[in-house]
Amino acid sequence: MEVDLICRAFQQAGHDVTVVTVFSYANNISSPLPYRVVEESIMHRRFLPIQWGILKVLRKYSAQTDVFHVDGHSCLYAAGLYRLIGGRVPISALFNRELVCWPECVSTLFPQAKGNIFISAKKIIRRWIEKYLCMPIASRIDFVSFTNPVLEEAYKDFGLKIAGKSIIVGDPFDYQGLMAEEGIKPDSYQQRNKKSYPLTIFYSSRMAPGKGFDLLITAFSKIKNKENFHLILGGSGPEEPFVHKMVKDLGLEAYVELPGWVSKEQVHAFYKQADIFVQASWRNDMTSMSLLTAMTFGLPNILPAGGGLEWVGQKSAVYFKAMDCDDLARKIEQLGNDYELRNELSRQCYVRLSSEQMNYEKQIMRICEAMKDLIDNRGN
């Protein structure tokens, strides 16, 4: 969705856009697109062959291109090398993810796989190579943009040189389109907000390490008046058995609904009936499409303090100390007991979404203007 919004905005600004997909065997494009899509296929799964494959794609299309715009976290070394060895076309890169070599997410309250000393050593060596040998190459990229300032700082700390050539653009997200599609108005939540119990708490995501299901379930177990709440945890994934077991072991089966994987339409139906959205954890340097969707539906949020989630949520949420289940339980009780606070946080969702920082069209135009400058200054 993000790539599509960027390409459409470039087109609307009058530019000729061609998208080259490099893992095309995974493409699943269900409807015609207004721009040209060229399919290339990199079949390798290892780091160096992937970068080599991307470098070949950049060189192949150089003669047809005024400027490249690439997926930062997966293309940065190939893109930097392309420029280092004399590639003539300037490159813009959008970073919306962490690097594979950075520390992995973990769910600390679920069982952990036993560590392997050889795998750990390999990861340390890879991080060293990428930070000290590859990052100077990546720094050859001409212009970079980030979805949030915490992610920008993480890349700077890892050695990416971005002085004078970076901006923060947020996540491209068409909240107005989703509101129109779902019949949501800025006061829809206030119209259905209730003073009676039970209140529905909702969170849905892939049940994978670091997504916060362990923290949310544990915090919910500490709530005194559980009968005041109904917790819906949507999604499936590798940690789904742990989720079910924790709910059972803590005696929460009467309060927790686990629908598993559901369609997008059903997820949106859950957002419409929810009273509170809780995202208990995610990478500190990342944002969240689940949170942006919750804000689009006007849901008051409970989020960990600090990091990319707070940068997105701003005044639409109450914040708990990250990884502190006791504090999360207190915040759930606080928001559950405060009808007026829920109304205010819902109102703040649209204040934040309508801000210039979150206006994807304006932010993409900032990228577009920077790319035009790169073309104009090429060779200077």
Protein backbone atom coordinates (compact mmCIF):
# COMPACT_ATOMS: atom_id res chain seq x y z
CA MET A 1 0.00 0.00 0.00
CA GLU A 2 2.77 2.46 0.91
CA VAL A 3 4.66 1.88 -2.35
CA ASP A 4 1.45 2.30 -4.34
CA LEU A 5 0.61 5.61 -2.66
CA ILE A 6 4.11 6.91 -3.37
CA CYS A 7 3.93 5.92 -7.04
CA ARG A 8 0.48 7.44 -7.52
CA ALA A 9 1.61 10.70 -5.89
CA PHE A 10 4.66 10.86 -8.19
CA GLN A 11 2.36 10.33 -11.16
CA GLN A 12 -0.10 12.99 -10.03
CA ALA A 13 2.82 15.41 -9.88
CA GLY A 14 3.33 14.80 -13.60
CA HIS A 15 6.18 12.30 -13.58
CA ASP A 16 6.63 9.08 -15.55
CA VAL A 17 6.78 6.20 -13.06
CA THR A 18 8.00 2.66 -13.66
CA VAL A 19 8.12 0.16 -10.80
CA VAL A 20 10.66 -2.66 -10.98
CA THR A 21 9.88 -5.51 -8.58
CA VAL A 22 12.88 -7.69 -7.76
CA PHE A 23 11.14 -10.59 -5.99
CA SER A 24 8.41 -10.83 -8.60
CA TYR A 25 7.49 -14.46 -7.93
CA ALA A 26 5.82 -13.12 -4.76
CA ASN A 27 3.76 -10.47 -6.55
CA ASN A 28 0.02 -10.57 -5.94
CA ILE A 29 -1.43 -7.59 -7.79
CA SER A 30 -5.19 -8.03 -7.87
CA SER A 31 -6.21 -4.99 -9.90
CA PRO A 32 -4.75 -2.88 -12.76
CA LEU A 33 -2.26 -0.21 -11.72
CA PRO A 34 -1.93 3.22 -13.30
CA TYR A 35 1.85 2.89 -13.68
CA ARG A 36 4.07 0.39 -15.45
CA VAL A 37 5.34 -2.62 -13.49
CA VAL A 38 8.42 -4.53 -14.71
CA GLU A 39 9.10 -7.89 -13.10
CA GLU A 40 12.64 -8.98 -12.28
CA SER A 41 13.35 -11.97 -10.07
CA ILE A 42 16.19 -12.35 -7.60
CA MET A 43 15.96 -15.97 -6.53
CA HIS A 44 18.68 -15.87 -3.88
CA ARG A 45 17.92 -15.68 -0.16
CA ARG A 46 21.36 -14.70 1.09
CA PHE A 47 22.55 -11.20 1.82
CA LEU A 48 25.38 -10.71 -0.69
CA PRO A 49 23.68 -12.32 -3.72
CA ILE A 50 20.58 -10.19 -3.09
CA GLN A 51 22.67 -7.00 -3.08
CA TRP A 52 24.47 -8.11 -6.23
CA GLY A 53 21.13 -8.80 -7.90
CA ILE A 54 19.80 -5.35 -6.98
CA LEU A 55 23.00 -3.74 -8.27
CA LYS A 56 22.50 -5.47 -11.63
CA VAL A 57 18.90 -4.21 -11.78
CA LEU A 58 20.02 -0.63 -11.10
CA ARG A 59 22.64 -0.83 -13.83
CA LYS A 60 20.19 -2.44 -16.27
CA TYR A 61 17.66 0.41 -16.01
CA SER A 62 20.07 3.34 -15.70
CA ALA A 63 19.74 4.38 -19.33
CA GLN A 64 15.93 4.68 -18.95
CA THR A 65 15.94 6.56 -15.66
CA ASP A 66 16.43 10.11 -14.39
CA VAL A 67 16.34 9.14 -10.72
CA PHE A 68 15.87 5.93 -8.71
CA HIS A 69 13.70 5.69 -5.60
CA VAL A 70 14.42 2.48 -3.67
CA ASP A 71 13.36 0.52 -0.61
CA GLY A 72 16.06 1.60 1.83
CA HIS A 73 16.54 -1.30 4.24
CA SER A 74 16.74 -3.92 1.47
CA CYS A 75 18.63 -1.96 -1.21
CA LEU A 76 20.98 0.36 0.68
CA TYR A 77 24.28 -1.42 0.04
CA ALA A 78 23.59 -2.13 -3.64
CA ALA A 79 22.39 1.45 -4.12
CA GLY A 80 25.45 2.90 -2.42
CA LEU A 81 27.79 0.65 -4.40
CA TYR A 82 26.08 1.63 -7.64
CA ARG A 83 26.93 5.27 -6.95
CA LEU A 84 30.43 4.44 -5.65
CA ILE A 85 31.47 2.67 -8.85
CA GLY A 86 30.24 5.44 -11.10
CA GLY A 87 26.52 4.88 -11.58
CA ARG A 88 25.24 8.11 -13.11
CA VAL A 89 21.63 8.10 -11.85
CA PRO A 90 21.04 9.68 -8.41
CA ILE A 91 19.26 7.55 -5.79
CA SER A 92 16.62 8.37 -3.18
CA ALA A 93 15.89 5.75 -0.51
CA LEU A 94 12.96 5.47 1.92
CA PHE A 95 13.70 3.64 5.18
CA ASN A 96 10.69 2.18 6.96
CA ARG A 97 12.24 -0.92 8.53
CA GLU A 98 15.17 -2.02 10.63
CA LEU A 99 18.16 -3.89 9.21
CA VAL A 100 18.21 -7.68 9.41
CA CYS A 101 21.49 -7.58 11.35
CA TRP A 102 20.03 -5.47 14.17
CA PRO A 103 18.92 -7.22 17.39
CA GLU A 104 15.85 -9.37 16.86
CA CYS A 105 12.51 -8.84 18.57
CA VAL A 106 11.69 -11.12 21.48
CA SER A 107 8.60 -11.84 23.56
CA THR A 108 10.21 -12.01 26.97
CA LEU A 109 7.25 -13.63 28.75
CA PHE A 110 6.88 -16.48 26.25
CA PRO A 111 9.25 -19.49 26.11
CA GLN A 112 12.54 -18.68 24.37
CA ALA A 113 14.47 -20.98 22.06
CA LYS A 114 17.81 -22.06 23.43
CA GLY A 115 20.63 -19.89 22.11
CA ASN A 116 23.29 -21.22 19.75
CA ILE A 117 26.76 -19.80 20.34
CA PHE A 118 27.78 -20.22 16.70
CA ILE A 119 24.69 -18.44 15.39
CA SER A 120 25.20 -15.66 17.93
CA ALA A 121 28.82 -15.25 16.87
CA LYS A 122 27.80 -15.16 13.22
CA LYS A 123 25.27 -12.39 13.95
CA ILE A 124 27.88 -10.34 15.81
CA ILE A 125 30.33 -10.65 12.92
CA ARG A 126 27.66 -9.68 10.40
CA ARG A 127 26.68 -6.59 12.42
CA TRP A 128 30.35 -5.56 12.59
CA ILE A 129 30.79 -6.01 8.83
CA GLU A 130 27.65 -4.06 7.98
CA LYS A 131 28.35 -1.23 10.40
CA TYR A 132 32.04 -0.65 9.66
CA LEU A 133 32.48 -1.90 6.08
CA CYS A 134 29.06 -1.59 4.41
CA MET A 135 27.64 1.58 5.95
CA PRO A 136 30.29 3.83 4.34
CA ILE A 137 29.14 2.40 1.00
CA ALA A 138 25.44 2.92 1.82
CA SER A 139 26.23 6.53 2.73
CA ARG A 140 26.84 7.17 -0.98
CA ILE A 141 23.05 7.23 -1.48
CA ASP A 142 22.13 10.76 -2.53
CA PHE A 143 18.99 11.35 -0.45
CA VAL A 144 17.24 9.45 2.35
CA SER A 145 13.85 9.66 4.05
CA PHE A 146 12.59 7.95 7.20
CA THR A 147 9.16 7.15 8.55
CA ASN A 148 10.00 8.49 12.03
CA PRO A 149 12.86 10.29 13.81
CA VAL A 150 13.67 7.34 16.10
CA LEU A 151 14.42 5.17 13.06
CA GLU A 152 16.53 7.96 11.60
CA GLU A 153 18.61 8.12 14.79
CA ALA A 154 19.02 4.33 14.78
CA TYR A 155 20.51 4.42 11.28
CA LYS A 156 22.73 7.36 12.19
CA ASP A 157 23.98 5.50 15.25
CA PHE A 158 24.72 2.50 13.04
CA GLY A 159 26.94 4.63 10.82
CA LEU A 160 24.75 5.91 7.95
CA LYS A 161 25.96 9.39 6.99
CA ILE A 162 22.88 11.49 6.28
CA ALA A 163 23.85 15.04 7.23
CA GLY A 164 22.05 17.53 5.01
CA LYS A 165 20.27 14.90 2.93
CA SER A 166 17.48 13.40 5.08
CA ILE A 167 13.87 14.15 5.97
CA ILE A 168 11.12 12.56 8.09
CA VAL A 169 8.00 11.71 6.06
CA GLY A 170 5.90 9.39 8.24
CA ASP A 171 4.16 6.33 6.83
CA PRO A 172 2.27 6.83 3.57
CA PHE A 173 -1.26 6.05 4.77
CA ASP A 174 -4.54 7.16 3.20
CA TYR A 175 -6.66 7.52 6.35
CA GLN A 176 -9.26 9.65 4.59
CA GLY A 177 -9.78 6.97 1.96
CA LEU A 178 -10.24 4.33 4.65
CA MET A 179 -12.69 6.54 6.56
CA ALA A 180 -14.76 7.03 3.41
CA GLU A 181 -14.64 3.31 2.62
CA GLU A 182 -15.81 2.33 6.12
CA GLY A 183 -18.27 5.20 6.66
CA ILE A 184 -16.27 6.61 9.58
CA LYS A 185 -16.68 10.26 10.62
CA PRO A 186 -14.52 12.20 13.10
CA ASP A 187 -17.27 11.95 15.73
CA SER A 188 -18.26 8.32 15.06
CA TYR A 189 -16.50 7.06 18.18
CA GLN A 190 -17.99 9.75 20.41
CA GLN A 191 -21.43 8.85 19.11
CA ARG A 192 -21.03 5.23 20.24
CA ASN A 193 -18.79 5.73 23.29
CA LYS A 194 -20.48 4.23 26.33
CA LYS A 195 -20.42 4.55 30.10
CA SER A 196 -21.58 0.98 30.67
CA TYR A 197 -19.47 -2.17 30.83
CA PRO A 198 -17.99 -4.34 29.46
CA LEU A 199 -15.66 -2.33 27.26
CA THR A 200 -13.95 -4.07 24.34
CA ILE A 201 -10.17 -3.90 24.12
CA PHE A 202 -8.79 -4.82 20.70
CA TYR A 203 -5.38 -5.65 19.28
CA SER A 204 -4.61 -7.56 16.10
CA SER A 205 -1.29 -8.38 14.50
CA ARG A 206 0.86 -11.28 13.42
CA MET A 207 1.57 -13.35 16.53
CA ALA A 208 5.34 -13.08 16.24
CA PRO A 209 8.15 -12.16 18.66
CA GLY A 210 8.03 -8.59 19.93
CA LYS A 211 4.41 -7.89 19.00
CA GLY A 212 3.39 -7.54 22.66
CA PHE A 213 0.77 -10.26 23.08
CA ASP A 214 2.64 -11.65 26.10
CA LEU A 215 2.74 -8.25 27.80
CA LEU A 216 -0.90 -7.44 27.10
CA ILE A 217 -2.22 -10.78 28.37
CA THR A 218 -0.07 -10.57 31.50
CA ALA A 219 -1.20 -7.00 32.15
CA PHE A 220 -4.83 -7.98 31.63
CA SER A 221 -4.44 -10.72 34.25
CA LYS A 222 -3.50 -8.01 36.78
CA ILE A 223 -6.67 -5.94 36.24
CA LYS A 224 -8.89 -6.06 39.33
CA ASN A 225 -12.31 -5.87 37.65
CA LYS A 226 -11.79 -8.06 34.61
CA GLU A 227 -15.54 -8.38 34.12
CA ASN A 228 -15.49 -4.73 32.99
CA PHE A 229 -13.55 -5.69 29.86
CA HIS A 230 -13.66 -8.02 26.88
CA LEU A 231 -10.26 -8.53 25.23
CA ILE A 232 -10.09 -9.48 21.54
CA LEU A 233 -6.68 -10.60 20.27
CA GLY A 234 -6.69 -11.14 16.52
CA GLY A 235 -4.07 -12.73 14.33
CA SER A 236 -2.06 -15.89 13.93
CA GLY A 237 1.60 -16.77 13.67
CA PRO A 238 4.46 -18.69 15.28
CA GLU A 239 3.59 -17.57 18.83
CA GLU A 240 -0.11 -18.37 18.58
CA PRO A 241 0.22 -21.56 20.72
CA PHE A 242 1.93 -19.49 23.44
CA VAL A 243 -0.91 -16.95 23.33
CA HIS A 244 -3.55 -19.66 23.81
CA LYS A 245 -1.56 -21.35 26.58
CA MET A 246 -0.99 -18.11 28.51
CA VAL A 247 -4.69 -17.21 28.33
CA LYS A 248 -5.57 -20.65 29.68
CA ASP A 249 -2.84 -20.77 32.34
CA LEU A 250 -3.88 -17.35 33.71
CA GLY A 251 -7.55 -18.32 33.81
CA LEU A 252 -8.63 -15.65 31.33
CA GLU A 253 -10.67 -17.74 28.91
CA ALA A 254 -13.94 -16.11 30.02
CA TYR A 255 -12.61 -12.64 29.15
CA VAL A 256 -10.44 -13.18 26.07
CA GLU A 257 -11.58 -13.86 22.50
CA LEU A 258 -9.06 -15.35 20.06
CA PRO A 259 -10.59 -15.31 16.55
CA GLY A 260 -7.31 -16.25 14.82
CA TRP A 261 -6.59 -15.01 11.32
CA VAL A 262 -9.54 -13.12 9.84
CA SER A 263 -10.17 -11.14 6.66
CA LYS A 264 -9.48 -7.42 6.38
CA GLU A 265 -13.23 -6.83 6.44
CA GLN A 266 -13.56 -8.65 9.76
CA VAL A 267 -10.59 -6.80 11.23
CA HIS A 268 -12.28 -3.52 10.31
CA ALA A 269 -15.48 -4.77 11.95
CA PHE A 270 -13.51 -5.37 15.16
CA TYR A 271 -12.13 -1.82 15.00
CA LYS A 272 -15.68 -0.52 14.68
CA GLN A 273 -16.86 -2.32 17.82
CA ALA A 274 -13.76 -1.75 19.94
CA ASP A 275 -13.68 0.80 22.76
CA ILE A 276 -9.91 0.81 23.36
CA PHE A 277 -6.90 -0.16 21.22
CA VAL A 278 -3.77 -1.44 22.96
CA GLN A 279 -0.43 -2.08 21.30
CA ALA A 280 1.72 -3.25 24.17
CA SER A 281 5.02 -3.55 22.33
CA TRP A 282 6.89 -3.24 19.09
CA ARG A 283 10.38 -2.20 18.06
CA ASN A 284 11.30 1.14 19.58
CA ASP A 285 12.42 2.41 16.17
CA MET A 286 9.30 1.34 14.27
CA THR A 287 5.83 2.68 13.59
CA SER A 288 2.70 0.55 13.13
CA MET A 289 0.02 0.24 10.47
CA SER A 290 -2.23 -1.33 13.12
CA LEU A 291 -1.96 1.85 15.19
CA LEU A 292 -2.63 4.09 12.18
CA THR A 293 -5.70 2.01 11.38
CA ALA A 294 -6.92 2.24 14.98
CA MET A 295 -6.50 6.02 14.86
CA THR A 296 -8.45 6.14 11.59
CA PHE A 297 -11.36 4.46 13.40
CA GLY A 298 -10.99 7.03 16.19
CA LEU A 299 -9.99 4.56 18.90
CA PRO A 300 -8.35 5.85 22.09
CA ASN A 301 -4.97 4.14 22.39
CA ILE A 302 -2.70 2.72 25.06
CA LEU A 303 0.93 2.56 23.92
CA PRO A 304 4.45 2.15 25.34
CA ALA A 305 6.12 5.46 26.05
CA GLY A 306 8.92 6.59 23.77
CA GLY A 307 9.83 5.38 20.32
CA GLY A 308 8.11 5.40 16.99
CA LEU A 309 4.68 4.49 18.35
CA GLU A 310 4.55 7.57 20.55
CA TRP A 311 5.79 9.73 17.66
CA VAL A 312 2.76 8.55 15.67
CA GLY A 313 0.21 8.53 18.51
CA GLN A 314 1.07 11.86 20.14
CA LYS A 315 -1.99 13.02 22.15
CA SER A 316 -4.29 10.22 20.93
CA ALA A 317 -2.99 7.79 23.58
CA VAL A 318 -2.09 7.27 27.20
CA TYR A 319 1.38 5.86 27.65
CA PHE A 320 2.79 3.26 30.01
CA LYS A 321 6.38 2.50 30.91
CA ALA A 322 7.65 0.14 28.22
CA MET A 323 7.74 -3.54 29.26
CA ASP A 324 5.99 -2.75 32.59
CA CYS A 325 2.89 -4.95 32.83
CA ASP A 326 1.78 -3.40 36.12
CA ASP A 327 1.80 0.08 34.62
CA LEU A 328 -0.02 -1.19 31.53
CA ALA A 329 -2.73 -2.71 33.75
CA ARG A 330 -3.13 0.64 35.53
CA LYS A 331 -3.48 2.48 32.22
CA ILE A 332 -6.15 0.03 31.02
CA GLU A 333 -8.12 0.61 34.23
CA GLN A 334 -7.61 4.38 33.98
CA LEU A 335 -8.89 4.60 30.41
CA GLY A 336 -11.68 2.13 31.07
CA ASN A 337 -12.94 4.26 33.95
CA ASP A 338 -12.75 7.61 32.14
CA TYR A 339 -15.46 8.19 29.54
CA GLU A 340 -14.39 11.78 28.86
CA LEU A 341 -10.74 10.83 28.41
CA ARG A 342 -11.74 8.25 25.81
CA ASN A 343 -13.67 10.93 23.95
CA GLU A 344 -10.72 13.32 24.03
CA LEU A 345 -8.21 10.74 22.86
CA SER A 346 -10.53 9.85 20.00
CA ARG A 347 -10.73 13.51 19.00
CA GLN A 348 -6.94 13.74 19.12
CA CYS A 349 -6.66 10.86 16.64
CA TYR A 350 -7.96 13.13 13.89
CA VAL A 351 -5.95 16.12 15.09
CA ARG A 352 -2.84 14.03 14.63
CA LEU A 353 -3.87 12.36 11.37
CA SER A 354 -4.76 15.72 9.80
CA SER A 355 -1.42 17.29 10.76
CA GLU A 356 1.08 18.13 8.03
CA GLN A 357 3.52 15.52 9.37
CA MET A 358 0.95 12.81 8.63
CA ASN A 359 -0.22 14.17 5.26
CA TYR A 360 1.29 11.56 2.97
CA GLU A 361 0.69 13.56 -0.22
CA LYS A 362 2.59 16.59 1.11
CA GLN A 363 5.36 14.42 2.53
CA ILE A 364 5.80 12.46 -0.70
CA MET A 365 6.02 15.77 -2.55
CA ARG A 366 8.97 16.64 -0.31
CA ILE A 367 10.67 13.49 -1.57
CA CYS A 368 9.70 14.41 -5.11
CA GLU A 369 11.18 17.90 -4.81
CA ALA A 370 14.41 16.46 -3.41
CA MET A 371 14.62 14.03 -6.34
CA LYS A 372 14.12 16.90 -8.82
CA ASP A 373 17.01 18.74 -7.12
CA LEU A 374 19.18 15.65 -7.50
CA ILE A 375 18.46 15.58 -11.23
CA ASP A 376 19.08 19.32 -11.62
CA ASN A 377 22.38 19.13 -9.72
CA ARG A 378 23.66 15.95 -11.33
CA GLY A 379 27.25 16.36 -12.35
CA ASN A 380 27.82 19.49 -10.24
